Each structure stands twice: as C-alpha cells, then as structure tokens.
C-alpha cells in the first residue's frame, strides 16, 4: 500500500467536519432557495416565450436548454455550498468554475460528460427541435418535448414519455425537417383497363393538389412538387395486380394527414368509376383422378 495514502488517512480527522446544528439548517435553506431559483428561471423563460412569440418551436427548444443548464449549475452550486458549510470544501473553491468541474470529474461521471457533449452537438447542429416527430436509433418514435444537455424526452404514440440520454443517440430520423415526400402505392388488378386507371389516379392528384395546396412544399410562391402519377413500377402476382405510384413533396408536418386523404380519395374515385383495387389471391389447383 502507498505510504502517502496511509499518512493521508492518519492526518484526516473527523473534527475537521462541522457537525453542528447550523450547517444542517443552512443546508435546508440552501436547497429551498436552489429549487425556488430553478422554478423562477422556468417561469421567466416561459413568460419570455409568451411575450415575444417569434418562432414558437425554436423558442420552446431554447427554453428547454436554458432550463436544463440553469438547473445543473444551480444544483451544482448548491451542493458545493452545502459541502462548504460542513467544512468539506473550501469556500474559495465555490467561486471558481474549476470547483464544479472537479466535483463532476471526481465522481467519475464519464457518461454524464459524454451525454452533455452529445447534447451540445445536437443543439449546435439543430438536428431536432421541440415539436419534431423523430425516430431515435430506429427504435424509439415520438414527438420531442424536451431537449436538455443530459437527455432528450420524447412522447410516444401511446403518450408514454421516454427519456433518452444524449450519449446513447446513435441515429436520428427527423420526419419534420424542411420537406417530406409522400409515396402512395396502389395495387390494381391486371384485368382493369390501364388507361382508365391512369385517368382516375391523375384525377386523384388534381383533387389533392387543388384542395390542399397550402400544405404542399413551396419555394417562394411556386410549388416544389405537386402530387403526380409516376405510373406502373412493378407487377405483383402475390398482391394481385399492377403497382402504381403517386408521389408529392409536402410540408413535413402534414405528410401523414395528406397520405390518409389520398387513400380516401382513391377509394371514392375508384368506386365512382367502378374500378377495383387489387388484393392477394390464393389459387387452388384441383387435380382430377389418375388412371
């Protein structure tokens, strides 16, 4: 065993720790003030968003970050102050940024540091914002509710709130980033008239483009890509017909809404024109008696 460590243990005395009533009372007061200060920061950032109302999504993201950073520093400062009350930390240490770093590093919080660094990159590169619908690690799907330096919180379809450490985010799909392509596949039986199918699907595109023009992706005042019929892309005996494709570029927040409206419109138009939609068919071969 190292002799220096033994000497250090011999020189340590419990008398150096202040175990009087005053430190305990001071600690309770410090904790109350710390939590009150965190609540105050959250209240102020909320009021600023309500007053400014510039870009609600971006401001909510900024609020989440400010609240997170403030909470970390306030609690770190409170812990150092409490330790100083018991004589475990010199008061001069509290006034230096190195004091907080020493506490974090001293605890061996490698994962915490990794999460914080990853959080900075997520925020700096604007990979996602509060309100975006994302897929994390191809496993977690939901709407972003909080982005902190330590973790990101998303709300799943089941309304379960899920917290994911930023350091564990390996892949990130943002379904609300700038623009989105809606791809609609329609299976039509081989027996149907090809020209009539094309005419019906083009009518569907015209209806959607006219009715939901404000939800299409635009550059300036011009539509970037309206819905249009690509045509037949494959034959599928399993699905029972030819596969037609309709595509269009939309504002990402409306992708699923427009997808559902297109399917509804296809059903309505096909019913009006007495056209059929393909479905899988099972063929049974009937074998006669052998002689």
Foldseek 3Di string as FASTA:
>chain_A
DDPVVVVVVVPDDPVLFDPDPVLVVVLVVLVVVLVVVLVVLLVVLVVVCVVPVDPNFQSQAVSLASSQVSNVVSVLLSVQVSCVSGNNHPPVLSVDPVNSVCVCVVVVPPLQVLLLVLLVVCVVVVVDTQQWWKQFPVHATFGWHHRYSQWTWGQGPVRDIDTDRSNPGDDMGTLQPQKDKAKDKFFFAAPDDQVVVQVLLQVLQVVLCVVPVVFARDDPPHGPWGKDWPGFDDADQQQHGTITMIMGMGRSVCRVVSNVVSVVSSVVSCVVVVGDTTGGDDDDDDDDDDD
